[in-house]
Structure formats: structure tokens, C-alpha cells
Amino acid sequence: MGKNIQYSGLALIIIAAAVLIASYFCGWNNINAVNFGAFALMIVGLIVYIVGGKKDLAE
């Protein structure tokens, strides 16, 4: 179960990075909601990844 949680956290980080790259190419650099949303998604993904790693070690 821990590996699935880790993979979902990694997916969140990759999705957030893709949003940031797409926002750069689409010219959405000045839209703070997109930038802060992607940043928050990266932080949540990192936390989920760490929690999943700890659950995987506990099993």
C-alpha cells in the first residue's frame, strides 16, 4: 500500500511540474493562481511521497 501512495505523490509532483512548464509556454506567468496552485500541488505531492515511504517502511 505504501508504494501506491508513493507513486501517487510522485504523480502529483510530475503533474505540477507539467502545469508550470505549460504555463510558461502559454504565457500564464502573471497568473498567480496557476503558479501558487502548482507550487501547492508540488508541496502536497512531496508530503504524500514522504508519508508513503514511511508507510512502506512500516509494512
N, C-alpha and C. Protein backbone atom coordinates (compact mmCIF):
# COMPACT_ATOMS: atom_id res chain seq x y z
N MET A 1 0.82 -1.20 0.00
CA MET A 1 0.00 0.00 0.00
C MET A 1 0.86 1.26 0.00
N GLY A 2 1.98 1.18 0.66
CA GLY A 2 2.86 2.33 0.75
C GLY A 2 3.43 2.74 -0.60
N LYS A 3 3.70 1.74 -1.45
CA LYS A 3 4.23 2.05 -2.79
C LYS A 3 3.20 2.80 -3.62
N ASN A 4 1.93 2.41 -3.51
CA ASN A 4 0.88 3.11 -4.26
C ASN A 4 0.76 4.56 -3.81
N ILE A 5 0.89 4.80 -2.52
CA ILE A 5 0.84 6.16 -2.01
C ILE A 5 2.04 6.95 -2.51
N GLN A 6 3.21 6.31 -2.52
CA GLN A 6 4.40 6.98 -3.02
C GLN A 6 4.25 7.33 -4.50
N TYR A 7 3.73 6.41 -5.28
CA TYR A 7 3.55 6.67 -6.70
C TYR A 7 2.55 7.78 -6.96
N SER A 8 1.51 7.88 -6.14
CA SER A 8 0.55 8.96 -6.32
C SER A 8 1.17 10.31 -5.95
N GLY A 9 2.03 10.33 -4.94
CA GLY A 9 2.75 11.56 -4.60
C GLY A 9 3.69 11.98 -5.71
N LEU A 10 4.37 11.01 -6.30
CA LEU A 10 5.26 11.30 -7.42
C LEU A 10 4.47 11.80 -8.63
N ALA A 11 3.29 11.24 -8.85
CA ALA A 11 2.44 11.70 -9.94
C ALA A 11 1.99 13.14 -9.72
N LEU A 12 1.67 13.50 -8.49
CA LEU A 12 1.29 14.89 -8.19
C LEU A 12 2.42 15.86 -8.48
N ILE A 13 3.64 15.47 -8.14
CA ILE A 13 4.79 16.32 -8.39
C ILE A 13 5.00 16.50 -9.90
N ILE A 14 4.88 15.43 -10.65
CA ILE A 14 5.08 15.50 -12.11
C ILE A 14 3.98 16.32 -12.77
N ILE A 15 2.75 16.17 -12.31
CA ILE A 15 1.64 16.96 -12.86
C ILE A 15 1.85 18.44 -12.59
N ALA A 16 2.29 18.77 -11.38
CA ALA A 16 2.54 20.18 -11.04
C ALA A 16 3.66 20.75 -11.89
N ALA A 17 4.71 19.97 -12.13
CA ALA A 17 5.81 20.44 -12.97
C ALA A 17 5.33 20.65 -14.40
N ALA A 18 4.47 19.76 -14.89
CA ALA A 18 3.93 19.91 -16.25
C ALA A 18 3.06 21.16 -16.35
N VAL A 19 2.30 21.45 -15.30
CA VAL A 19 1.48 22.68 -15.30
C VAL A 19 2.36 23.91 -15.34
N LEU A 20 3.45 23.91 -14.58
CA LEU A 20 4.36 25.05 -14.60
C LEU A 20 5.02 25.23 -15.96
N ILE A 21 5.41 24.14 -16.59
CA ILE A 21 6.01 24.22 -17.92
C ILE A 21 5.00 24.71 -18.94
N ALA A 22 3.78 24.17 -18.88
CA ALA A 22 2.73 24.60 -19.81
C ALA A 22 2.36 26.06 -19.59
N SER A 23 2.36 26.51 -18.34
CA SER A 23 2.02 27.91 -18.08
C SER A 23 3.09 28.84 -18.63
N TYR A 24 4.33 28.39 -18.63
CA TYR A 24 5.39 29.21 -19.19
C TYR A 24 5.20 29.38 -20.71
N PHE A 25 4.91 28.28 -21.38
CA PHE A 25 4.76 28.33 -22.84
C PHE A 25 3.47 29.00 -23.28
N CYS A 26 2.44 28.96 -22.44
CA CYS A 26 1.16 29.60 -22.79
C CYS A 26 1.10 31.06 -22.36
N GLY A 27 2.12 31.53 -21.66
CA GLY A 27 2.15 32.93 -21.24
C GLY A 27 1.33 33.21 -20.01
N TRP A 28 1.16 32.22 -19.16
CA TRP A 28 0.38 32.40 -17.93
C TRP A 28 1.28 32.74 -16.75
N ASN A 29 2.44 33.32 -16.99
CA ASN A 29 3.38 33.60 -15.92
C ASN A 29 2.87 34.60 -14.91
N ASN A 30 1.99 35.49 -15.33
CA ASN A 30 1.49 36.54 -14.44
C ASN A 30 0.23 36.13 -13.69
N ILE A 31 -0.27 34.94 -13.93
CA ILE A 31 -1.47 34.46 -13.22
C ILE A 31 -1.01 33.75 -11.95
N ASN A 32 -1.20 34.41 -10.84
CA ASN A 32 -0.68 33.89 -9.57
C ASN A 32 -1.39 32.61 -9.13
N ALA A 33 -2.66 32.46 -9.47
CA ALA A 33 -3.40 31.27 -9.05
C ALA A 33 -2.79 30.01 -9.66
N VAL A 34 -2.36 30.09 -10.90
CA VAL A 34 -1.75 28.93 -11.55
C VAL A 34 -0.40 28.62 -10.90
N ASN A 35 0.40 29.65 -10.68
CA ASN A 35 1.73 29.44 -10.10
C ASN A 35 1.64 28.92 -8.66
N PHE A 36 0.81 29.54 -7.84
CA PHE A 36 0.68 29.09 -6.45
C PHE A 36 -0.01 27.73 -6.37
N GLY A 37 -0.96 27.47 -7.26
CA GLY A 37 -1.62 26.17 -7.28
C GLY A 37 -0.65 25.05 -7.61
N ALA A 38 0.20 25.27 -8.60
CA ALA A 38 1.20 24.26 -8.96
C ALA A 38 2.22 24.09 -7.84
N PHE A 39 2.60 25.19 -7.21
CA PHE A 39 3.54 25.11 -6.09
C PHE A 39 2.93 24.33 -4.93
N ALA A 40 1.67 24.62 -4.62
CA ALA A 40 0.99 23.90 -3.54
C ALA A 40 0.85 22.42 -3.87
N LEU A 41 0.58 22.12 -5.15
CA LEU A 41 0.46 20.72 -5.57
C LEU A 41 1.79 19.99 -5.43
N MET A 42 2.89 20.69 -5.69
CA MET A 42 4.21 20.08 -5.50
C MET A 42 4.48 19.80 -4.02
N ILE A 43 4.11 20.73 -3.16
CA ILE A 43 4.32 20.53 -1.72
C ILE A 43 3.48 19.36 -1.22
N VAL A 44 2.22 19.31 -1.64
CA VAL A 44 1.34 18.20 -1.23
C VAL A 44 1.89 16.87 -1.76
N GLY A 45 2.35 16.87 -3.01
CA GLY A 45 2.93 15.65 -3.58
C GLY A 45 4.16 15.19 -2.82
N LEU A 46 4.99 16.14 -2.40
CA LEU A 46 6.18 15.79 -1.63
C LEU A 46 5.80 15.20 -0.28
N ILE A 47 4.81 15.79 0.38
CA ILE A 47 4.36 15.27 1.67
C ILE A 47 3.76 13.87 1.51
N VAL A 48 2.96 13.68 0.48
CA VAL A 48 2.36 12.36 0.23
C VAL A 48 3.45 11.33 -0.06
N TYR A 49 4.47 11.73 -0.81
CA TYR A 49 5.56 10.82 -1.13
C TYR A 49 6.32 10.41 0.13
N ILE A 50 6.56 11.35 1.01
CA ILE A 50 7.28 11.04 2.26
C ILE A 50 6.44 10.14 3.16
N VAL A 51 5.15 10.45 3.28
CA VAL A 51 4.26 9.61 4.11
C VAL A 51 4.17 8.21 3.53
N GLY A 52 4.09 8.09 2.22
CA GLY A 52 4.04 6.77 1.59
C GLY A 52 5.32 5.99 1.82
N GLY A 53 6.46 6.67 1.83
CA GLY A 53 7.71 5.99 2.12
C GLY A 53 7.79 5.49 3.55
N LYS A 54 7.26 6.27 4.47
CA LYS A 54 7.26 5.84 5.86
C LYS A 54 6.30 4.66 6.07
N LYS A 55 5.17 4.69 5.37
CA LYS A 55 4.23 3.55 5.50
C LYS A 55 4.83 2.30 4.88
N ASP A 56 5.60 2.47 3.80
CA ASP A 56 6.21 1.33 3.15
C ASP A 56 7.28 0.70 4.06
N LEU A 57 8.00 1.54 4.79
CA LEU A 57 9.00 1.01 5.72
C LEU A 57 8.35 0.32 6.91
N ALA A 58 7.17 0.78 7.30
CA ALA A 58 6.49 0.19 8.45
C ALA A 58 5.91 -1.19 8.12
N GLU A 59 5.61 -1.43 6.86
CA GLU A 59 4.98 -2.72 6.49
C GLU A 59 5.96 -3.84 6.41
